[in-house]
């Protein structure tokens, strides 16, 4: 669908309609990306580096938290895999109807997803 919109010079131009949603709480603008916009340049200012100390691990059939320190530092290959997955991993997940409160307390900015079986 196309619509008319004004560019920075005040001229009316044709533009493909994109659905936007603005969150009033933090002023962040979200929009849907087209597949051709998903490339390494999208992550040019993203540095995936973190020092991890506590990890969830499955031990004898149960999930436990234990010290298992490592440094997560993405390589160019990791970014290539991410880009490939984002272009291809449309699984139909939706935002979880019920959030895991313990995870919310530890990672309040994560969006929890679920895949309906």
PDB file of N, CA and C in Angstrom:
ATOM      1  N   UNK A   1       0.841  -1.170   0.000  1.00  0.00           N
ATOM      2  CA  UNK A   1       0.000   0.000   0.000  1.00  0.00           C
ATOM      3  C   UNK A   1       0.889   1.236   0.000  1.00  0.00           C
ATOM      4  N   UNK A   2       0.559   2.197  -0.820  1.00  0.00           N
ATOM      5  CA  UNK A   2       1.341   3.414  -0.880  1.00  0.00           C
ATOM      6  C   UNK A   2       0.526   4.580  -0.357  1.00  0.00           C
ATOM      7  N   UNK A   3       1.240   5.555   0.158  1.00  0.00           N
ATOM      8  CA  UNK A   3       0.590   6.752   0.652  1.00  0.00           C
ATOM      9  C   UNK A   3       1.481   7.944   0.344  1.00  0.00           C
ATOM     10  N   UNK A   4       0.884   9.115   0.346  1.00  0.00           N
ATOM     11  CA  UNK A   4       1.661  10.342   0.152  1.00  0.00           C
ATOM     12  C   UNK A   4       2.170  10.782   1.511  1.00  0.00           C
ATOM     13  N   UNK A   5       3.423  11.271   1.543  1.00  0.00           N
ATOM     14  CA  UNK A   5       3.931  11.862   2.766  1.00  0.00           C
ATOM     15  C   UNK A   5       4.911  12.944   2.416  1.00  0.00           C
ATOM     16  N   UNK A   6       5.140  13.846   3.347  1.00  0.00           N
ATOM     17  CA  UNK A   6       5.993  14.994   3.112  1.00  0.00           C
ATOM     18  C   UNK A   6       7.430  14.645   3.479  1.00  0.00           C
ATOM     19  N   UNK A   7       8.386  14.977   2.604  1.00  0.00           N
ATOM     20  CA  UNK A   7       9.790  14.746   2.942  1.00  0.00           C
ATOM     21  C   UNK A   7      10.340  15.960   3.686  1.00  0.00           C
ATOM     22  N   UNK A   8      11.639  15.931   4.000  1.00  0.00           N
ATOM     23  CA  UNK A   8      12.227  17.015   4.792  1.00  0.00           C
ATOM     24  C   UNK A   8      12.176  18.360   4.077  1.00  0.00           C
ATOM     25  N   UNK A   9      12.123  18.338   2.766  1.00  0.00           N
ATOM     26  CA  UNK A   9      12.059  19.592   1.997  1.00  0.00           C
ATOM     27  C   UNK A   9      10.626  20.098   1.856  1.00  0.00           C
ATOM     28  N   UNK A  10       9.668  19.374   2.423  1.00  0.00           N
ATOM     29  CA  UNK A  10       8.279  19.800   2.352  1.00  0.00           C
ATOM     30  C   UNK A  10       7.572  19.355   1.093  1.00  0.00           C
ATOM     31  N   UNK A  11       8.219  18.519   0.278  1.00  0.00           N
ATOM     32  CA  UNK A  11       7.608  18.026  -0.954  1.00  0.00           C
ATOM     33  C   UNK A  11       6.793  16.780  -0.656  1.00  0.00           C
ATOM     34  N   UNK A  12       5.716  16.607  -1.405  1.00  0.00           N
ATOM     35  CA  UNK A  12       4.913  15.398  -1.250  1.00  0.00           C
ATOM     36  C   UNK A  12       5.551  14.285  -2.069  1.00  0.00           C
ATOM     37  N   UNK A  13       5.763  13.151  -1.458  1.00  0.00           N
ATOM     38  CA  UNK A  13       6.398  12.028  -2.142  1.00  0.00           C
ATOM     39  C   UNK A  13       5.607  10.758  -1.877  1.00  0.00           C
ATOM     40  N   UNK A  14       5.734   9.791  -2.784  1.00  0.00           N
ATOM     41  CA  UNK A  14       5.121   8.487  -2.590  1.00  0.00           C
ATOM     42  C   UNK A  14       5.973   7.710  -1.591  1.00  0.00           C
ATOM     43  N   UNK A  15       5.354   7.039  -0.680  1.00  0.00           N
ATOM     44  CA  UNK A  15       6.091   6.236   0.290  1.00  0.00           C
ATOM     45  C   UNK A  15       5.292   4.979   0.585  1.00  0.00           C
ATOM     46  N   UNK A  16       5.999   3.893   0.721  1.00  0.00           N
ATOM     47  CA  UNK A  16       5.336   2.642   1.073  1.00  0.00           C
ATOM     48  C   UNK A  16       4.854   2.755   2.513  1.00  0.00           C
ATOM     49  N   UNK A  17       3.625   2.376   2.745  1.00  0.00           N
ATOM     50  CA  UNK A  17       3.068   2.474   4.090  1.00  0.00           C
ATOM     51  C   UNK A  17       3.709   1.433   4.994  1.00  0.00           C
ATOM     52  N   UNK A  18       4.168   1.860   6.127  1.00  0.00           N
ATOM     53  CA  UNK A  18       4.758   0.979   7.128  1.00  0.00           C
ATOM     54  C   UNK A  18       4.033   1.238   8.430  1.00  0.00           C
ATOM     55  N   UNK A  19       3.725   0.182   9.135  1.00  0.00           N
ATOM     56  CA  UNK A  19       3.024   0.330  10.403  1.00  0.00           C
ATOM     57  C   UNK A  19       4.028   0.728  11.478  1.00  0.00           C
ATOM     58  N   UNK A  20       3.745   1.812  12.186  1.00  0.00           N
ATOM     59  CA  UNK A  20       4.598   2.286  13.265  1.00  0.00           C
ATOM     60  C   UNK A  20       3.823   2.230  14.572  1.00  0.00           C
ATOM     61  N   UNK A  21       4.557   1.981  15.635  1.00  0.00           N
ATOM     62  CA  UNK A  21       3.951   2.009  16.959  1.00  0.00           C
ATOM     63  C   UNK A  21       4.901   2.764  17.862  1.00  0.00           C
ATOM     64  N   UNK A  22       4.430   3.759  18.532  1.00  0.00           N
ATOM     65  CA  UNK A  22       5.281   4.533  19.421  1.00  0.00           C
ATOM     66  C   UNK A  22       4.898   4.234  20.859  1.00  0.00           C
ATOM     67  N   UNK A  23       5.905   3.958  21.676  1.00  0.00           N
ATOM     68  CA  UNK A  23       5.675   3.770  23.099  1.00  0.00           C
ATOM     69  C   UNK A  23       5.821   5.128  23.774  1.00  0.00           C
ATOM     70  N   UNK A  24       4.809   5.543  24.469  1.00  0.00           N
ATOM     71  CA  UNK A  24       4.831   6.847  25.111  1.00  0.00           C
ATOM     72  C   UNK A  24       5.797   6.919  26.279  1.00  0.00           C
ATOM     73  N   UNK A  25       6.099   5.775  26.901  1.00  0.00           N
ATOM     74  CA  UNK A  25       6.912   5.792  28.106  1.00  0.00           C
ATOM     75  C   UNK A  25       8.369   6.137  27.844  1.00  0.00           C
ATOM     76  N   UNK A  26       8.920   5.699  26.712  1.00  0.00           N
ATOM     77  CA  UNK A  26      10.338   5.952  26.485  1.00  0.00           C
ATOM     78  C   UNK A  26      10.628   6.633  25.148  1.00  0.00           C
ATOM     79  N   UNK A  27       9.618   6.937  24.364  1.00  0.00           N
ATOM     80  CA  UNK A  27       9.810   7.635  23.116  1.00  0.00           C
ATOM     81  C   UNK A  27      10.497   6.841  22.021  1.00  0.00           C
ATOM     82  N   UNK A  28      10.574   5.535  22.158  1.00  0.00           N
ATOM     83  CA  UNK A  28      11.225   4.693  21.152  1.00  0.00           C
ATOM     84  C   UNK A  28      10.233   4.408  20.038  1.00  0.00           C
ATOM     85  N   UNK A  29      10.693   4.520  18.807  1.00  0.00           N
ATOM     86  CA  UNK A  29       9.865   4.268  17.639  1.00  0.00           C
ATOM     87  C   UNK A  29      10.173   2.878  17.107  1.00  0.00           C
ATOM     88  N   UNK A  30       9.161   2.050  16.967  1.00  0.00           N
ATOM     89  CA  UNK A  30       9.317   0.701  16.455  1.00  0.00           C
ATOM     90  C   UNK A  30       8.687   0.621  15.071  1.00  0.00           C
ATOM     91  N   UNK A  31       9.327  -0.126  14.181  1.00  0.00           N
ATOM     92  CA  UNK A  31       8.735  -0.349  12.875  1.00  0.00           C
ATOM     93  C   UNK A  31       9.151  -1.718  12.374  1.00  0.00           C
ATOM     94  N   UNK A  32       8.375  -2.262  11.471  1.00  0.00           N
ATOM     95  CA  UNK A  32       8.655  -3.561  10.887  1.00  0.00           C
ATOM     96  C   UNK A  32       9.733  -3.397   9.827  1.00  0.00           C
ATOM     97  N   UNK A  33      10.738  -4.277   9.863  1.00  0.00           N
ATOM     98  CA  UNK A  33      11.812  -4.246   8.878  1.00  0.00           C
ATOM     99  C   UNK A  33      11.486  -5.160   7.715  1.00  0.00           C
ATOM    100  N   UNK A  34      11.891  -4.749   6.531  1.00  0.00           N
ATOM    101  CA  UNK A  34      11.826  -5.630   5.371  1.00  0.00           C
ATOM    102  C   UNK A  34      13.069  -6.504   5.391  1.00  0.00           C
ATOM    103  N   UNK A  35      13.012  -7.668   4.756  1.00  0.00           N
ATOM    104  CA  UNK A  35      14.130  -8.612   4.755  1.00  0.00           C
ATOM    105  C   UNK A  35      15.409  -7.980   4.215  1.00  0.00           C
ATOM    106  N   UNK A  36      15.298  -7.109   3.211  1.00  0.00           N
ATOM    107  CA  UNK A  36      16.507  -6.512   2.637  1.00  0.00           C
ATOM    108  C   UNK A  36      17.157  -5.479   3.552  1.00  0.00           C
ATOM    109  N   UNK A  37      16.490  -5.087   4.631  1.00  0.00           N
ATOM    110  CA  UNK A  37      17.073  -4.164   5.609  1.00  0.00           C
ATOM    111  C   UNK A  37      17.858  -4.897   6.692  1.00  0.00           C
ATOM    112  N   UNK A  38      17.728  -6.208   6.735  1.00  0.00           N
ATOM    113  CA  UNK A  38      18.402  -6.994   7.764  1.00  0.00           C
ATOM    114  C   UNK A  38      19.757  -7.431   7.227  1.00  0.00           C
ATOM    115  N   UNK A  39      20.798  -6.739   7.688  1.00  0.00           N
ATOM    116  CA  UNK A  39      22.154  -7.057   7.259  1.00  0.00           C
ATOM    117  C   UNK A  39      23.117  -6.686   8.391  1.00  0.00           C
ATOM    118  N   UNK A  40      24.389  -6.907   8.172  1.00  0.00           N
ATOM    119  CA  UNK A  40      25.384  -6.642   9.218  1.00  0.00           C
ATOM    120  C   UNK A  40      25.380  -5.180   9.641  1.00  0.00           C
ATOM    121  N   UNK A  41      25.119  -4.271   8.706  1.00  0.00           N
ATOM    122  CA  UNK A  41      25.109  -2.842   9.016  1.00  0.00           C
ATOM    123  C   UNK A  41      24.059  -2.488  10.068  1.00  0.00           C
ATOM    124  N   UNK A  42      22.986  -3.259  10.132  1.00  0.00           N
ATOM    125  CA  UNK A  42      21.944  -3.028  11.128  1.00  0.00           C
ATOM    126  C   UNK A  42      22.511  -3.120  12.549  1.00  0.00           C
ATOM    127  N   UNK A  43      23.556  -3.914  12.715  1.00  0.00           N
ATOM    128  CA  UNK A  43      24.151  -4.127  14.034  1.00  0.00           C
ATOM    129  C   UNK A  43      25.510  -3.438  14.180  1.00  0.00           C
ATOM    130  N   UNK A  44      25.767  -2.440  13.347  1.00  0.00           N
ATOM    131  CA  UNK A  44      27.070  -1.767  13.344  1.00  0.00           C
ATOM    132  C   UNK A  44      27.435  -1.169  14.700  1.00  0.00           C
ATOM    133  N   UNK A  45      26.452  -0.703  15.451  1.00  0.00           N
ATOM    134  CA  UNK A  45      26.731  -0.073  16.736  1.00  0.00           C
ATOM    135  C   UNK A  45      26.382  -0.977  17.918  1.00  0.00           C
ATOM    136  N   UNK A  46      26.131  -2.237  17.620  1.00  0.00           N
ATOM    137  CA  UNK A  46      25.787  -3.198  18.669  1.00  0.00           C
ATOM    138  C   UNK A  46      27.017  -4.034  18.986  1.00  0.00           C
ATOM    139  N   UNK A  47      27.438  -4.007  20.223  1.00  0.00           N
ATOM    140  CA  UNK A  47      28.588  -4.812  20.642  1.00  0.00           C
ATOM    141  C   UNK A  47      28.080  -5.856  21.625  1.00  0.00           C
ATOM    142  N   UNK A  48      28.156  -7.107  21.206  1.00  0.00           N
ATOM    143  CA  UNK A  48      27.709  -8.198  22.072  1.00  0.00           C
ATOM    144  C   UNK A  48      28.910  -8.670  22.880  1.00  0.00           C
ATOM    145  N   UNK A  49      29.072  -8.098  24.044  1.00  0.00           N
ATOM    146  CA  UNK A  49      30.149  -8.488  24.951  1.00  0.00           C
ATOM    147  C   UNK A  49      29.591  -8.469  26.365  1.00  0.00           C
ATOM    148  N   UNK A  50      29.669  -9.597  27.021  1.00  0.00           N
ATOM    149  CA  UNK A  50      29.242  -9.635  28.415  1.00  0.00           C
ATOM    150  C   UNK A  50      30.005 -10.708  29.164  1.00  0.00           C
ATOM    151  N   UNK A  51      30.287 -10.392  30.414  1.00  0.00           N
ATOM    152  CA  UNK A  51      30.913 -11.359  31.302  1.00  0.00           C
ATOM    153  C   UNK A  51      29.804 -12.036  32.090  1.00  0.00           C
ATOM    154  N   UNK A  52      29.689 -13.336  31.924  1.00  0.00           N
ATOM    155  CA  UNK A  52      28.631 -14.120  32.559  1.00  0.00           C
ATOM    156  C   UNK A  52      29.242 -14.889  33.724  1.00  0.00           C
ATOM    157  N   UNK A  53      28.548 -14.875  34.855  1.00  0.00           N
ATOM    158  CA  UNK A  53      29.050 -15.633  36.010  1.00  0.00           C
ATOM    159  C   UNK A  53      28.092 -16.738  36.425  1.00  0.00           C
ATOM    160  N   UNK A  54      26.806 -16.413  36.549  1.00  0.00           N
ATOM    161  CA  UNK A  54      25.815 -17.411  36.957  1.00  0.00           C
ATOM    162  C   UNK A  54      25.011 -17.863  35.746  1.00  0.00           C
ATOM    163  N   UNK A  55      24.801 -19.174  35.635  1.00  0.00           N
ATOM    164  CA  UNK A  55      24.125 -19.730  34.469  1.00  0.00           C
ATOM    165  C   UNK A  55      23.094 -20.771  34.887  1.00  0.00           C
ATOM    166  N   UNK A  56      22.003 -20.844  34.121  1.00  0.00           N
ATOM    167  CA  UNK A  56      21.053 -21.940  34.281  1.00  0.00           C
ATOM    168  C   UNK A  56      21.643 -23.162  33.590  1.00  0.00           C
ATOM    169  N   UNK A  57      21.674 -24.264  34.272  1.00  0.00           N
ATOM    170  CA  UNK A  57      22.177 -25.515  33.711  1.00  0.00           C
ATOM    171  C   UNK A  57      21.243 -26.643  34.119  1.00  0.00           C
ATOM    172  N   UNK A  58      21.088 -27.602  33.236  1.00  0.00           N
ATOM    173  CA  UNK A  58      20.257 -28.769  33.539  1.00  0.00           C
ATOM    174  C   UNK A  58      21.165 -29.843  34.126  1.00  0.00           C
ATOM    175  N   UNK A  59      20.913 -30.210  35.373  1.00  0.00           N
ATOM    176  CA  UNK A  59      21.722 -31.201  36.084  1.00  0.00           C
ATOM    177  C   UNK A  59      20.798 -32.281  36.628  1.00  0.00           C
ATOM    178  N   UNK A  60      21.035 -33.512  36.226  1.00  0.00           N
ATOM    179  CA  UNK A  60      20.213 -34.645  36.676  1.00  0.00           C
ATOM    180  C   UNK A  60      18.719 -34.390  36.466  1.00  0.00           C
ATOM    181  N   UNK A  61      18.381 -33.808  35.321  1.00  0.00           N
ATOM    182  CA  UNK A  61      16.978 -33.604  34.968  1.00  0.00           C
ATOM    183  C   UNK A  61      16.328 -32.377  35.569  1.00  0.00           C
ATOM    184  N   UNK A  62      17.078 -31.557  36.310  1.00  0.00           N
ATOM    185  CA  UNK A  62      16.499 -30.361  36.934  1.00  0.00           C
ATOM    186  C   UNK A  62      17.337 -29.135  36.563  1.00  0.00           C
ATOM    187  N   UNK A  63      16.668 -27.995  36.425  1.00  0.00           N
ATOM    188  CA  UNK A  63      17.373 -26.751  36.130  1.00  0.00           C
ATOM    189  C   UNK A  63      17.906 -26.160  37.422  1.00  0.00           C
ATOM    190  N   UNK A  64      19.181 -25.805  37.419  1.00  0.00           N
ATOM    191  CA  UNK A  64      19.823 -25.187  38.584  1.00  0.00           C
ATOM    192  C   UNK A  64      20.625 -23.978  38.107  1.00  0.00           C
ATOM    193  N   UNK A  65      20.879 -23.077  39.040  1.00  0.00           N
ATOM    194  CA  UNK A  65      21.751 -21.939  38.753  1.00  0.00           C
ATOM    195  C   UNK A  65      23.071 -22.219  39.437  1.00  0.00           C
ATOM    196  N   UNK A  66      24.146 -22.129  38.652  1.00  0.00           N
ATOM    197  CA  UNK A  66      25.458 -22.384  39.243  1.00  0.00           C
ATOM    198  C   UNK A  66      26.485 -21.459  38.613  1.00  0.00           C
ATOM    199  N   UNK A  67      27.595 -21.310  39.305  1.00  0.00           N
ATOM    200  CA  UNK A  67      28.682 -20.514  38.756  1.00  0.00           C
ATOM    201  C   UNK A  67      29.312 -21.281  37.612  1.00  0.00           C
ATOM    202  N   UNK A  68      29.395 -20.630  36.482  1.00  0.00           N
ATOM    203  CA  UNK A  68      29.998 -21.226  35.296  1.00  0.00           C
ATOM    204  C   UNK A  68      30.455 -20.062  34.422  1.00  0.00           C
ATOM    205  N   UNK A  69      31.449 -19.301  34.901  1.00  0.00           N
ATOM    206  CA  UNK A  69      31.818 -18.042  34.242  1.00  0.00           C
ATOM    207  C   UNK A  69      32.389 -18.229  32.841  1.00  0.00           C
ATOM    208  N   UNK A  70      31.993 -17.291  31.963  1.00  0.00           N
ATOM    209  CA  UNK A  70      32.548 -17.213  30.616  1.00  0.00           C
ATOM    210  C   UNK A  70      32.295 -15.808  30.079  1.00  0.00           C
ATOM    211  N   UNK A  71      32.983 -15.455  29.018  1.00  0.00           N
ATOM    212  CA  UNK A  71      32.778 -14.175  28.352  1.00  0.00           C
ATOM    213  C   UNK A  71      32.116 -14.437  27.013  1.00  0.00           C
ATOM    214  N   UNK A  72      30.985 -13.776  26.800  1.00  0.00           N
ATOM    215  CA  UNK A  72      30.257 -13.875  25.543  1.00  0.00           C
ATOM    216  C   UNK A  72      30.677 -12.679  24.693  1.00  0.00           C
ATOM    217  N   UNK A  73      31.372 -12.937  23.612  1.00  0.00           N
ATOM    218  CA  UNK A  73      31.892 -11.878  22.755  1.00  0.00           C
ATOM    219  C   UNK A  73      31.732 -12.325  21.306  1.00  0.00           C
ATOM    220  N   UNK A  74      30.758 -11.744  20.597  1.00  0.00           N
ATOM    221  CA  UNK A  74      30.422 -12.221  19.267  1.00  0.00           C
ATOM    222  C   UNK A  74      31.507 -11.931  18.240  1.00  0.00           C
ATOM    223  N   UNK A  75      31.667 -12.874  17.333  1.00  0.00           N
ATOM    224  CA  UNK A  75      32.566 -12.730  16.197  1.00  0.00           C
ATOM    225  C   UNK A  75      31.743 -12.308  14.979  1.00  0.00           C
ATOM    226  N   UNK A  76      32.426 -11.991  13.889  1.00  0.00           N
ATOM    227  CA  UNK A  76      31.712 -11.671  12.643  1.00  0.00           C
ATOM    228  C   UNK A  76      30.860 -12.862  12.198  1.00  0.00           C
ATOM    229  N   UNK A  77      31.340 -14.073  12.427  1.00  0.00           N
ATOM    230  CA  UNK A  77      30.569 -15.267  12.080  1.00  0.00           C
ATOM    231  C   UNK A  77      29.271 -15.319  12.887  1.00  0.00           C
ATOM    232  N   UNK A  78      29.327 -14.942  14.165  1.00  0.00           N
ATOM    233  CA  UNK A  78      28.114 -14.914  14.996  1.00  0.00           C
ATOM    234  C   UNK A  78      27.091 -13.913  14.438  1.00  0.00           C
ATOM    235  N   UNK A  79      27.566 -12.747  13.998  1.00  0.00           N
ATOM    236  CA  UNK A  79      26.666 -11.757  13.399  1.00  0.00           C
ATOM    237  C   UNK A  79      26.081 -12.277  12.084  1.00  0.00           C
ATOM    238  N   UNK A  80      26.889 -12.965  11.282  1.00  0.00           N
ATOM    239  CA  UNK A  80      26.396 -13.529  10.023  1.00  0.00           C
ATOM    240  C   UNK A  80      25.282 -14.532  10.291  1.00  0.00           C
ATOM    241  N   UNK A  81      25.476 -15.381  11.306  1.00  0.00           N
ATOM    242  CA  UNK A  81      24.447 -16.363  11.683  1.00  0.00           C
ATOM    243  C   UNK A  81      23.186 -15.648  12.152  1.00  0.00           C
ATOM    244  N   UNK A  82      23.340 -14.599  12.948  1.00  0.00           N
ATOM    245  CA  UNK A  82      22.190 -13.827  13.425  1.00  0.00           C
ATOM    246  C   UNK A  82      21.403 -13.258  12.254  1.00  0.00           C
ATOM    247  N   UNK A  83      22.093 -12.623  11.313  1.00  0.00           N
ATOM    248  CA  UNK A  83      21.422 -12.035  10.153  1.00  0.00           C
ATOM    249  C   UNK A  83      20.695 -13.111   9.361  1.00  0.00           C
ATOM    250  N   UNK A  84      21.351 -14.255   9.121  1.00  0.00           N
ATOM    251  CA  UNK A  84      20.710 -15.346   8.391  1.00  0.00           C
ATOM    252  C   UNK A  84      19.471 -15.848   9.114  1.00  0.00           C
ATOM    253  N   UNK A  85      19.572 -16.006  10.423  1.00  0.00           N
ATOM    254  CA  UNK A  85      18.429 -16.495  11.206  1.00  0.00           C
ATOM    255  C   UNK A  85      17.271 -15.502  11.181  1.00  0.00           C
ATOM    256  N   UNK A  86      17.582 -14.215  11.311  1.00  0.00           N
ATOM    257  CA  UNK A  86      16.523 -13.205  11.302  1.00  0.00           C
ATOM    258  C   UNK A  86      15.804 -13.153   9.962  1.00  0.00           C
ATOM    259  N   UNK A  87      16.532 -13.412   8.895  1.00  0.00           N
ATOM    260  CA  UNK A  87      15.913 -13.398   7.567  1.00  0.00           C
ATOM    261  C   UNK A  87      15.071 -14.642   7.326  1.00  0.00           C
ATOM    262  N   UNK A  88      15.473 -15.789   7.999  1.00  0.00           N
ATOM    263  CA  UNK A  88      14.797 -17.056   7.744  1.00  0.00           C
ATOM    264  C   UNK A  88      13.869 -17.468   8.873  1.00  0.00           C
ATOM    265  N   UNK A  89      13.852 -17.300  10.734  1.00  0.00           N
ATOM    266  CA  UNK A  89      13.377 -18.002  11.881  1.00  0.00           C
ATOM    267  C   UNK A  89      12.021 -17.681  12.310  1.00  0.00           C
ATOM    268  N   UNK A  90      11.091 -17.023  11.152  1.00  0.00           N
ATOM    269  CA  UNK A  90       9.688 -16.700  11.394  1.00  0.00           C
ATOM    270  C   UNK A  90       8.947 -17.961  11.802  1.00  0.00           C
ATOM    271  N   UNK A  91       8.906 -18.251  13.037  1.00  0.00           N
ATOM    272  CA  UNK A  91       8.295 -19.469  13.558  1.00  0.00           C
ATOM    273  C   UNK A  91       6.851 -19.254  13.981  1.00  0.00           C
ATOM    274  N   UNK A  92       6.434 -17.999  14.039  1.00  0.00           N
ATOM    275  CA  UNK A  92       5.077 -17.725  14.482  1.00  0.00           C
ATOM    276  C   UNK A  92       4.968 -17.542  15.983  1.00  0.00           C
ATOM    277  N   UNK A  93       6.093 -17.222  16.630  1.00  0.00           N
ATOM    278  CA  UNK A  93       6.039 -16.965  18.067  1.00  0.00           C
ATOM    279  C   UNK A  93       5.265 -15.679  18.327  1.00  0.00           C
ATOM    280  N   UNK A  94       4.643 -15.627  19.466  1.00  0.00           N
ATOM    281  CA  UNK A  94       3.909 -14.440  19.892  1.00  0.00           C
ATOM    282  C   UNK A  94       4.363 -14.077  21.297  1.00  0.00           C
ATOM    283  N   UNK A  95       4.062 -12.872  21.700  1.00  0.00           N
ATOM    284  CA  UNK A  95       4.406 -12.475  23.060  1.00  0.00           C
ATOM    285  C   UNK A  95       3.682 -13.395  24.045  1.00  0.00           C
ATOM    286  N   UNK A  96       4.397 -13.833  25.058  1.00  0.00           N
ATOM    287  CA  UNK A  96       3.847 -14.774  26.031  1.00  0.00           C
ATOM    288  C   UNK A  96       2.617 -14.184  26.725  1.00  0.00           C
ATOM    289  N   UNK A  97       1.601 -15.007  26.904  1.00  0.00           N
ATOM    290  CA  UNK A  97       0.416 -14.562  27.632  1.00  0.00           C
ATOM    291  C   UNK A  97       0.720 -14.419  29.120  1.00  0.00           C
ATOM    292  N   UNK A  98       1.588 -15.282  29.619  1.00  0.00           N
ATOM    293  CA  UNK A  98       1.992 -15.217  31.018  1.00  0.00           C
ATOM    294  C   UNK A  98       3.504 -15.144  31.089  1.00  0.00           C
ATOM    295  N   UNK A  99       4.017 -14.081  31.698  1.00  0.00           N
ATOM    296  CA  UNK A  99       5.454 -13.920  31.837  1.00  0.00           C
ATOM    297  C   UNK A  99       5.955 -14.683  33.070  1.00  0.00           C
ATOM    298  N   UNK A 100       7.168 -15.190  32.972  1.00  0.00           N
ATOM    299  CA  UNK A 100       7.830 -15.820  34.107  1.00  0.00           C
ATOM    300  C   UNK A 100       8.360 -14.696  34.993  1.00  0.00           C
ATOM    301  N   UNK A 101       7.741 -14.506  36.152  1.00  0.00           N
ATOM    302  CA  UNK A 101       8.049 -13.367  37.016  1.00  0.00           C
ATOM    303  C   UNK A 101       9.499 -13.371  37.486  1.00  0.00           C
ATOM    304  N   UNK A 102      10.046 -14.536  37.767  1.00  0.00           N
ATOM    305  CA  UNK A 102      11.443 -14.614  38.200  1.00  0.00           C
ATOM    306  C   UNK A 102      12.378 -14.078  37.107  1.00  0.00           C
ATOM    307  N   UNK A 103      12.078 -14.420  35.857  1.00  0.00           N
ATOM    308  CA  UNK A 103      12.889 -13.923  34.748  1.00  0.00           C
ATOM    309  C   UNK A 103      12.692 -12.415  34.574  1.00  0.00           C
ATOM    310  N   UNK A 104      11.470 -11.932  34.734  1.00  0.00           N
ATOM    311  CA  UNK A 104      11.200 -10.496  34.620  1.00  0.00           C
ATOM    312  C   UNK A 104      12.026  -9.719  35.634  1.00  0.00           C
ATOM    313  N   UNK A 105      12.131 -10.238  36.853  1.00  0.00           N
ATOM    314  CA  UNK A 105      12.903  -9.558  37.897  1.00  0.00           C
ATOM    315  C   UNK A 105      14.386  -9.498  37.548  1.00  0.00           C
ATOM    316  N   UNK A 106      14.895 -10.521  36.875  1.00  0.00           N
ATOM    317  CA  UNK A 106      16.313 -10.551  36.511  1.00  0.00           C
ATOM    318  C   UNK A 106      16.592  -9.818  35.202  1.00  0.00           C
ATOM    319  N   UNK A 107      15.658  -9.884  34.260  1.00  0.00           N
ATOM    320  CA  UNK A 107      15.812  -9.281  32.937  1.00  0.00           C
ATOM    321  C   UNK A 107      14.546  -8.503  32.583  1.00  0.00           C
ATOM    322  N   UNK A 108      14.328  -7.342  33.205  1.00  0.00           N
ATOM    323  CA  UNK A 108      13.058  -6.623  33.030  1.00  0.00           C
ATOM    324  C   UNK A 108      12.796  -6.122  31.620  1.00  0.00           C
ATOM    325  N   UNK A 109      13.800  -6.036  30.764  1.00  0.00           N
ATOM    326  CA  UNK A 109      13.600  -5.514  29.411  1.00  0.00           C
ATOM    327  C   UNK A 109      13.413  -6.607  28.372  1.00  0.00           C
ATOM    328  N   UNK A 110      13.491  -7.867  28.774  1.00  0.00           N
ATOM    329  CA  UNK A 110      13.283  -8.965  27.832  1.00  0.00           C
ATOM    330  C   UNK A 110      11.808  -9.100  27.480  1.00  0.00           C
ATOM    331  N   UNK A 111      11.550  -9.436  26.235  1.00  0.00           N
ATOM    332  CA  UNK A 111      10.202  -9.762  25.792  1.00  0.00           C
ATOM    333  C   UNK A 111      10.124 -11.275  25.720  1.00  0.00           C
ATOM    334  N   UNK A 112       9.293 -11.871  26.534  1.00  0.00           N
ATOM    335  CA  UNK A 112       9.174 -13.327  26.543  1.00  0.00           C
ATOM    336  C   UNK A 112       8.196 -13.763  25.462  1.00  0.00           C
ATOM    337  N   UNK A 113       8.607 -14.758  24.689  1.00  0.00           N
ATOM    338  CA  UNK A 113       7.801 -15.245  23.585  1.00  0.00           C
ATOM    339  C   UNK A 113       7.375 -16.667  23.852  1.00  0.00           C
ATOM    340  N   UNK A 114       6.338 -17.080  23.119  1.00  0.00           N
ATOM    341  CA  UNK A 114       5.909 -18.476  23.199  1.00  0.00           C
ATOM    342  C   UNK A 114       5.475 -18.930  21.812  1.00  0.00           C
ATOM    343  N   UNK A 115       5.585 -20.226  21.607  1.00  0.00           N
ATOM    344  CA  UNK A 115       5.171 -20.844  20.352  1.00  0.00           C
ATOM    345  C   UNK A 115       4.002 -21.760  20.685  1.00  0.00           C
ATOM    346  N   UNK A 116       2.887 -21.458  20.108  1.00  0.00           N
ATOM    347  CA  UNK A 116       1.684 -22.244  20.405  1.00  0.00           C
ATOM    348  C   UNK A 116       1.710 -23.564  19.651  1.00  0.00           C
ATOM    349  N   UNK A 117       1.572 -24.644  20.377  1.00  0.00           N
ATOM    350  CA  UNK A 117       1.589 -25.988  19.757  1.00  0.00           C
ATOM    351  C   UNK A 117       0.205 -26.410  19.364  1.00  0.00           C
TER     352      UNK A 117
END
